[in-house]
Amino acid sequence: DTQREQPAPWMAQAERDSMLARARDVSEH
């Protein structure tokens, strides 16, 4: 939730989407 609400300004959108997808995968496991 913190990463969604306060994304890192230096992170590209594709990199951010990949990180969130990996985080959701960990949470789903």
PDB file of all heavy atoms in Angstrom:
ATOM      1  N   ASP A   1       0.830  -1.211   0.000  1.00  0.00           N
ATOM      2  CA  ASP A   1       0.000   0.000   0.000  1.00  0.00           C
ATOM      3  C   ASP A   1       0.862   1.258   0.000  1.00  0.00           C
ATOM      4  O   ASP A   1       0.537   2.247  -0.682  1.00  0.00           O
ATOM      5  CB  ASP A   1      -0.923  -0.006   1.218  1.00  0.00           C
ATOM      6  CG  ASP A   1      -1.972  -1.109   1.151  1.00  0.00           C
ATOM      7  OD1 ASP A   1      -2.219  -1.620   0.034  1.00  0.00           O
ATOM      8  OD2 ASP A   1      -2.522  -1.482   2.211  1.00  0.00           O
ATOM      9  N   THR A   2       1.962   1.233   0.739  1.00  0.00           N
ATOM     10  CA  THR A   2       2.852   2.392   0.763  1.00  0.00           C
ATOM     11  C   THR A   2       3.475   2.631  -0.607  1.00  0.00           C
ATOM     12  O   THR A   2       3.591   3.780  -1.064  1.00  0.00           O
ATOM     13  CB  THR A   2       3.959   2.186   1.813  1.00  0.00           C
ATOM     14  OG1 THR A   2       3.359   1.991   3.093  1.00  0.00           O
ATOM     15  CG2 THR A   2       4.878   3.391   1.875  1.00  0.00           C
ATOM     16  N   GLN A   3       3.871   1.563  -1.292  1.00  0.00           N
ATOM     17  CA  GLN A   3       4.463   1.713  -2.618  1.00  0.00           C
ATOM     18  C   GLN A   3       3.451   2.239  -3.626  1.00  0.00           C
ATOM     19  O   GLN A   3       3.816   2.978  -4.552  1.00  0.00           O
ATOM     20  CB  GLN A   3       5.035   0.378  -3.098  1.00  0.00           C
ATOM     21  CG  GLN A   3       6.153  -0.168  -2.226  1.00  0.00           C
ATOM     22  CD  GLN A   3       7.313   0.788  -2.105  1.00  0.00           C
ATOM     23  OE1 GLN A   3       7.771   1.356  -3.108  1.00  0.00           O
ATOM     24  NE2 GLN A   3       7.794   0.996  -0.897  1.00  0.00           N
ATOM     25  N   ARG A   4       2.202   1.870  -3.453  1.00  0.00           N
ATOM     26  CA  ARG A   4       1.175   2.378  -4.366  1.00  0.00           C
ATOM     27  C   ARG A   4       0.878   3.850  -4.113  1.00  0.00           C
ATOM     28  O   ARG A   4       0.693   4.629  -5.057  1.00  0.00           O
ATOM     29  CB  ARG A   4      -0.104   1.557  -4.200  1.00  0.00           C
ATOM     30  CG  ARG A   4      -0.016   0.136  -4.743  1.00  0.00           C
ATOM     31  CD  ARG A   4      -1.223  -0.665  -4.310  1.00  0.00           C
ATOM     32  NE  ARG A   4      -1.218  -2.010  -4.886  1.00  0.00           N
ATOM     33  CZ  ARG A   4      -2.043  -2.981  -4.498  1.00  0.00           C
ATOM     34  NH1 ARG A   4      -2.934  -2.749  -3.544  1.00  0.00           N
ATOM     35  NH2 ARG A   4      -1.966  -4.175  -5.059  1.00  0.00           N
ATOM     36  N   GLU A   5       0.821   4.211  -2.837  1.00  0.00           N
ATOM     37  CA  GLU A   5       0.469   5.593  -2.500  1.00  0.00           C
ATOM     38  C   GLU A   5       1.643   6.550  -2.657  1.00  0.00           C
ATOM     39  O   GLU A   5       1.443   7.715  -3.009  1.00  0.00           O
ATOM     40  CB  GLU A   5      -0.043   5.649  -1.059  1.00  0.00           C
ATOM     41  CG  GLU A   5      -1.327   4.853  -0.839  1.00  0.00           C
ATOM     42  CD  GLU A   5      -1.693   4.764   0.621  1.00  0.00           C
ATOM     43  OE1 GLU A   5      -0.941   5.301   1.466  1.00  0.00           O
ATOM     44  OE2 GLU A   5      -2.736   4.139   0.932  1.00  0.00           O
ATOM     45  N   GLN A   6       2.856   6.068  -2.405  1.00  0.00           N
ATOM     46  CA  GLN A   6       4.037   6.922  -2.470  1.00  0.00           C
ATOM     47  C   GLN A   6       5.101   6.256  -3.335  1.00  0.00           C
ATOM     48  O   GLN A   6       6.105   5.742  -2.831  1.00  0.00           O
ATOM     49  CB  GLN A   6       4.579   7.193  -1.067  1.00  0.00           C
ATOM     50  CG  GLN A   6       3.585   7.855  -0.144  1.00  0.00           C
ATOM     51  CD  GLN A   6       4.121   8.018   1.268  1.00  0.00           C
ATOM     52  OE1 GLN A   6       5.243   7.647   1.572  1.00  0.00           O
ATOM     53  NE2 GLN A   6       3.297   8.577   2.139  1.00  0.00           N
ATOM     54  N   PRO A   7       4.903   6.232  -4.655  1.00  0.00           N
ATOM     55  CA  PRO A   7       5.891   5.581  -5.525  1.00  0.00           C
ATOM     56  C   PRO A   7       7.197   6.370  -5.552  1.00  0.00           C
ATOM     57  O   PRO A   7       7.218   7.599  -5.369  1.00  0.00           O
ATOM     58  CB  PRO A   7       5.202   5.579  -6.888  1.00  0.00           C
ATOM     59  CG  PRO A   7       4.243   6.727  -6.835  1.00  0.00           C
ATOM     60  CD  PRO A   7       3.783   6.815  -5.408  1.00  0.00           C
ATOM     61  N   ALA A   8       8.299   5.655  -5.765  1.00  0.00           N
ATOM     62  CA  ALA A   8       9.602   6.304  -5.860  1.00  0.00           C
ATOM     63  C   ALA A   8       9.649   7.164  -7.118  1.00  0.00           C
ATOM     64  O   ALA A   8       9.337   6.687  -8.217  1.00  0.00           O
ATOM     65  CB  ALA A   8      10.706   5.251  -5.893  1.00  0.00           C
ATOM     66  N   PRO A   9      10.034   8.445  -7.007  1.00  0.00           N
ATOM     67  CA  PRO A   9      10.015   9.327  -8.188  1.00  0.00           C
ATOM     68  C   PRO A   9      11.024   8.932  -9.255  1.00  0.00           C
ATOM     69  O   PRO A   9      10.820   9.224 -10.437  1.00  0.00           O
ATOM     70  CB  PRO A   9      10.334  10.703  -7.583  1.00  0.00           C
ATOM     71  CG  PRO A   9      11.051  10.404  -6.305  1.00  0.00           C
ATOM     72  CD  PRO A   9      10.467   9.131  -5.789  1.00  0.00           C
ATOM     73  N   TRP A  10      12.114   8.262  -8.856  1.00  0.00           N
ATOM     74  CA  TRP A  10      13.147   7.914  -9.830  1.00  0.00           C
ATOM     75  C   TRP A  10      12.829   6.632 -10.577  1.00  0.00           C
ATOM     76  O   TRP A  10      13.483   6.312 -11.577  1.00  0.00           O
ATOM     77  CB  TRP A  10      14.498   7.737  -9.128  1.00  0.00           C
ATOM     78  CG  TRP A  10      14.444   6.730  -8.003  1.00  0.00           C
ATOM     79  CD1 TRP A  10      14.179   6.978  -6.696  1.00  0.00           C
ATOM     80  CD2 TRP A  10      14.638   5.320  -8.119  1.00  0.00           C
ATOM     81  NE1 TRP A  10      14.194   5.816  -5.968  1.00  0.00           N
ATOM     82  CE2 TRP A  10      14.473   4.776  -6.816  1.00  0.00           C
ATOM     83  CE3 TRP A  10      14.935   4.468  -9.173  1.00  0.00           C
ATOM     84  CZ2 TRP A  10      14.596   3.428  -6.560  1.00  0.00           C
ATOM     85  CZ3 TRP A  10      15.058   3.121  -8.917  1.00  0.00           C
ATOM     86  CH2 TRP A  10      14.885   2.609  -7.626  1.00  0.00           C
ATOM     87  N   MET A  11      11.813   5.893 -10.153  1.00  0.00           N
ATOM     88  CA  MET A  11      11.519   4.580 -10.733  1.00  0.00           C
ATOM     89  C   MET A  11      10.623   4.730 -11.955  1.00  0.00           C
ATOM     90  O   MET A  11       9.616   5.446 -11.923  1.00  0.00           O
ATOM     91  CB  MET A  11      10.833   3.692  -9.691  1.00  0.00           C
ATOM     92  CG  MET A  11      10.649   2.239 -10.127  1.00  0.00           C
ATOM     93  SD  MET A  11       9.880   1.239  -8.827  1.00  0.00           S
ATOM     94  CE  MET A  11      11.162   1.311  -7.564  1.00  0.00           C
ATOM     95  N   ALA A  12      11.011   4.067 -13.041  1.00  0.00           N
ATOM     96  CA  ALA A  12      10.207   4.085 -14.255  1.00  0.00           C
ATOM     97  C   ALA A  12       8.905   3.319 -14.042  1.00  0.00           C
ATOM     98  O   ALA A  12       8.807   2.457 -13.163  1.00  0.00           O
ATOM     99  CB  ALA A  12      10.998   3.491 -15.419  1.00  0.00           C
ATOM    100  N   GLN A  13       7.905   3.629 -14.863  1.00  0.00           N
ATOM    101  CA  GLN A  13       6.598   3.003 -14.696  1.00  0.00           C
ATOM    102  C   GLN A  13       6.665   1.500 -14.925  1.00  0.00           C
ATOM    103  O   GLN A  13       6.063   0.722 -14.175  1.00  0.00           O
ATOM    104  CB  GLN A  13       5.600   3.635 -15.673  1.00  0.00           C
ATOM    105  CG  GLN A  13       4.176   3.127 -15.527  1.00  0.00           C
ATOM    106  CD  GLN A  13       3.574   3.464 -14.178  1.00  0.00           C
ATOM    107  OE1 GLN A  13       3.840   4.539 -13.630  1.00  0.00           O
ATOM    108  NE2 GLN A  13       2.769   2.567 -13.627  1.00  0.00           N
ATOM    109  N   ALA A  14       7.413   1.063 -15.923  1.00  0.00           N
ATOM    110  CA  ALA A  14       7.528  -0.374 -16.186  1.00  0.00           C
ATOM    111  C   ALA A  14       8.218  -1.081 -15.016  1.00  0.00           C
ATOM    112  O   ALA A  14       7.805  -2.171 -14.603  1.00  0.00           O
ATOM    113  CB  ALA A  14       8.298  -0.612 -17.484  1.00  0.00           C
ATOM    114  N   GLU A  15       9.247  -0.475 -14.464  1.00  0.00           N
ATOM    115  CA  GLU A  15       9.942  -1.058 -13.319  1.00  0.00           C
ATOM    116  C   GLU A  15       9.039  -1.102 -12.101  1.00  0.00           C
ATOM    117  O   GLU A  15       9.041  -2.079 -11.337  1.00  0.00           O
ATOM    118  CB  GLU A  15      11.200  -0.249 -13.028  1.00  0.00           C
ATOM    119  CG  GLU A  15      12.050  -0.812 -11.908  1.00  0.00           C
ATOM    120  CD  GLU A  15      13.291   0.030 -11.672  1.00  0.00           C
ATOM    121  OE1 GLU A  15      13.560   0.934 -12.492  1.00  0.00           O
ATOM    122  OE2 GLU A  15      13.987  -0.210 -10.660  1.00  0.00           O
ATOM    123  N   ARG A  16       8.267  -0.036 -11.924  1.00  0.00           N
ATOM    124  CA  ARG A  16       7.343   0.009 -10.779  1.00  0.00           C
ATOM    125  C   ARG A  16       6.256  -1.055 -10.926  1.00  0.00           C
ATOM    126  O   ARG A  16       5.915  -1.737  -9.950  1.00  0.00           O
ATOM    127  CB  ARG A  16       6.718   1.397 -10.685  1.00  0.00           C
ATOM    128  CG  ARG A  16       5.694   1.559  -9.573  1.00  0.00           C
ATOM    129  CD  ARG A  16       5.290   3.009  -9.421  1.00  0.00           C
ATOM    130  NE  ARG A  16       4.217   3.152  -8.457  1.00  0.00           N
ATOM    131  CZ  ARG A  16       2.923   3.162  -8.772  1.00  0.00           C
ATOM    132  NH1 ARG A  16       2.559   3.038 -10.046  1.00  0.00           N
ATOM    133  NH2 ARG A  16       1.999   3.271  -7.848  1.00  0.00           N
ATOM    134  N   ASP A  17       5.715  -1.227 -12.117  1.00  0.00           N
ATOM    135  CA  ASP A  17       4.686  -2.251 -12.328  1.00  0.00           C
ATOM    136  C   ASP A  17       5.250  -3.652 -12.080  1.00  0.00           C
ATOM    137  O   ASP A  17       4.575  -4.515 -11.502  1.00  0.00           O
ATOM    138  CB  ASP A  17       4.132  -2.157 -13.750  1.00  0.00           C
ATOM    139  CG  ASP A  17       3.334  -0.877 -13.985  1.00  0.00           C
ATOM    140  OD1 ASP A  17       2.905  -0.266 -12.981  1.00  0.00           O
ATOM    141  OD2 ASP A  17       3.158  -0.499 -15.155  1.00  0.00           O
ATOM    142  N   SER A  18       6.483  -3.888 -12.519  1.00  0.00           N
ATOM    143  CA  SER A  18       7.110  -5.190 -12.280  1.00  0.00           C
ATOM    144  C   SER A  18       7.303  -5.442 -10.790  1.00  0.00           C
ATOM    145  O   SER A  18       7.074  -6.561 -10.313  1.00  0.00           O
ATOM    146  CB  SER A  18       8.448  -5.251 -13.021  1.00  0.00           C
ATOM    147  OG  SER A  18       9.121  -6.460 -12.746  1.00  0.00           O
ATOM    148  N   MET A  19       7.714  -4.414 -10.060  1.00  0.00           N
ATOM    149  CA  MET A  19       7.924  -4.573  -8.622  1.00  0.00           C
ATOM    150  C   MET A  19       6.603  -4.851  -7.909  1.00  0.00           C
ATOM    151  O   MET A  19       6.530  -5.723  -7.038  1.00  0.00           O
ATOM    152  CB  MET A  19       8.569  -3.307  -8.056  1.00  0.00           C
ATOM    153  CG  MET A  19       8.855  -3.380  -6.556  1.00  0.00           C
ATOM    154  SD  MET A  19       9.285  -1.776  -5.867  1.00  0.00           S
ATOM    155  CE  MET A  19       7.721  -0.897  -6.066  1.00  0.00           C
ATOM    156  N   LEU A  20       5.543  -4.124  -8.280  1.00  0.00           N
ATOM    157  CA  LEU A  20       4.244  -4.351  -7.644  1.00  0.00           C
ATOM    158  C   LEU A  20       3.707  -5.742  -7.968  1.00  0.00           C
ATOM    159  O   LEU A  20       3.100  -6.397  -7.108  1.00  0.00           O
ATOM    160  CB  LEU A  20       3.252  -3.275  -8.097  1.00  0.00           C
ATOM    161  CG  LEU A  20       3.558  -1.846  -7.652  1.00  0.00           C
ATOM    162  CD1 LEU A  20       2.504  -0.885  -8.193  1.00  0.00           C
ATOM    163  CD2 LEU A  20       3.614  -1.743  -6.136  1.00  0.00           C
ATOM    164  N   ALA A  21       3.930  -6.199  -9.199  1.00  0.00           N
ATOM    165  CA  ALA A  21       3.485  -7.548  -9.558  1.00  0.00           C
ATOM    166  C   ALA A  21       4.228  -8.598  -8.749  1.00  0.00           C
ATOM    167  O   ALA A  21       3.632  -9.585  -8.285  1.00  0.00           O
ATOM    168  CB  ALA A  21       3.697  -7.774 -11.057  1.00  0.00           C
ATOM    169  N   ARG A  22       5.525  -8.399  -8.543  1.00  0.00           N
ATOM    170  CA  ARG A  22       6.289  -9.351  -7.732  1.00  0.00           C
ATOM    171  C   ARG A  22       5.819  -9.324  -6.284  1.00  0.00           C
ATOM    172  O   ARG A  22       5.740 -10.370  -5.622  1.00  0.00           O
ATOM    173  CB  ARG A  22       7.776  -9.025  -7.824  1.00  0.00           C
ATOM    174  CG  ARG A  22       8.680 -10.089  -7.212  1.00  0.00           C
ATOM    175  CD  ARG A  22      10.137  -9.686  -7.342  1.00  0.00           C
ATOM    176  NE  ARG A  22      10.563  -9.645  -8.726  1.00  0.00           N
ATOM    177  CZ  ARG A  22      11.015 -10.692  -9.393  1.00  0.00           C
ATOM    178  NH1 ARG A  22      11.104 -11.874  -8.777  1.00  0.00           N
ATOM    179  NH2 ARG A  22      11.396 -10.598 -10.649  1.00  0.00           N
ATOM    180  N   ALA A  23       5.496  -8.131  -5.777  1.00  0.00           N
ATOM    181  CA  ALA A  23       5.008  -8.012  -4.402  1.00  0.00           C
ATOM    182  C   ALA A  23       3.653  -8.700  -4.249  1.00  0.00           C
ATOM    183  O   ALA A  23       3.394  -9.378  -3.242  1.00  0.00           O
ATOM    184  CB  ALA A  23       4.917  -6.547  -3.996  1.00  0.00           C
ATOM    185  N   ARG A  24       2.786  -8.526  -5.229  1.00  0.00           N
ATOM    186  CA  ARG A  24       1.481  -9.208  -5.165  1.00  0.00           C
ATOM    187  C   ARG A  24       1.653 -10.720  -5.226  1.00  0.00           C
ATOM    188  O   ARG A  24       0.896 -11.466  -4.599  1.00  0.00           O
ATOM    189  CB  ARG A  24       0.583  -8.714  -6.297  1.00  0.00           C
ATOM    190  CG  ARG A  24       0.053  -7.296  -6.107  1.00  0.00           C
ATOM    191  CD  ARG A  24      -1.054  -6.994  -7.112  1.00  0.00           C
ATOM    192  NE  ARG A  24      -0.558  -7.037  -8.481  1.00  0.00           N
ATOM    193  CZ  ARG A  24      -0.099  -5.981  -9.145  1.00  0.00           C
ATOM    194  NH1 ARG A  24      -0.057  -4.795  -8.550  1.00  0.00           N
ATOM    195  NH2 ARG A  24       0.308  -6.082 -10.395  1.00  0.00           N
ATOM    196  N   ASP A  25       2.642 -11.179  -5.987  1.00  0.00           N
ATOM    197  CA  ASP A  25       2.906 -12.616  -6.075  1.00  0.00           C
ATOM    198  C   ASP A  25       3.359 -13.157  -4.722  1.00  0.00           C
ATOM    199  O   ASP A  25       2.922 -14.232  -4.299  1.00  0.00           O
ATOM    200  CB  ASP A  25       3.970 -12.874  -7.141  1.00  0.00           C
ATOM    201  CG  ASP A  25       4.226 -14.363  -7.340  1.00  0.00           C
ATOM    202  OD1 ASP A  25       3.316 -15.064  -7.798  1.00  0.00           O
ATOM    203  OD2 ASP A  25       5.340 -14.818  -7.019  1.00  0.00           O
ATOM    204  N   VAL A  26       4.235 -12.426  -4.035  1.00  0.00           N
ATOM    205  CA  VAL A  26       4.673 -12.842  -2.705  1.00  0.00           C
ATOM    206  C   VAL A  26       3.487 -12.885  -1.744  1.00  0.00           C
ATOM    207  O   VAL A  26       3.312 -13.847  -0.979  1.00  0.00           O
ATOM    208  CB  VAL A  26       5.768 -11.894  -2.175  1.00  0.00           C
ATOM    209  CG1 VAL A  26       6.102 -12.219  -0.721  1.00  0.00           C
ATOM    210  CG2 VAL A  26       7.021 -11.997  -3.028  1.00  0.00           C
ATOM    211  N   SER A  27       2.657 -11.840  -1.790  1.00  0.00           N
ATOM    212  CA  SER A  27       1.488 -11.799  -0.899  1.00  0.00           C
ATOM    213  C   SER A  27       0.524 -12.936  -1.214  1.00  0.00           C
ATOM    214  O   SER A  27      -0.051 -13.549  -0.297  1.00  0.00           O
ATOM    215  CB  SER A  27       0.790 -10.451  -1.048  1.00  0.00           C
ATOM    216  OG  SER A  27      -0.338 -10.371  -0.211  1.00  0.00           O
ATOM    217  N   GLU A  28       0.363 -13.257  -2.504  1.00  0.00           N
ATOM    218  CA  GLU A  28      -0.544 -14.347  -2.877  1.00  0.00           C
ATOM    219  C   GLU A  28      -0.019 -15.687  -2.387  1.00  0.00           C
ATOM    220  O   GLU A  28      -0.791 -16.550  -1.933  1.00  0.00           O
ATOM    221  CB  GLU A  28      -0.705 -14.345  -4.397  1.00  0.00           C
ATOM    222  CG  GLU A  28      -1.797 -15.292  -4.908  1.00  0.00           C
ATOM    223  CD  GLU A  28      -1.251 -16.667  -5.263  1.00  0.00           C
ATOM    224  OE1 GLU A  28      -0.027 -16.755  -5.509  1.00  0.00           O
ATOM    225  OE2 GLU A  28      -2.023 -17.635  -5.274  1.00  0.00           O
ATOM    226  N   HIS A  29       1.295 -15.891  -2.424  1.00  0.00           N
ATOM    227  CA  HIS A  29       1.879 -17.128  -1.910  1.00  0.00           C
ATOM    228  C   HIS A  29       1.661 -17.245  -0.402  1.00  0.00           C
ATOM    229  O   HIS A  29       1.370 -18.335   0.113  1.00  0.00           O
ATOM    230  CB  HIS A  29       3.368 -17.175  -2.230  1.00  0.00           C
ATOM    231  CG  HIS A  29       3.652 -17.461  -3.673  1.00  0.00           C
ATOM    232  ND1 HIS A  29       4.925 -17.574  -4.182  1.00  0.00           N
ATOM    233  CD2 HIS A  29       2.812 -17.656  -4.725  1.00  0.00           C
ATOM    234  CE1 HIS A  29       4.867 -17.841  -5.477  1.00  0.00           C
ATOM    235  NE2 HIS A  29       3.591 -17.890  -5.831  1.00  0.00           N
TER     236      HIS A  29
END
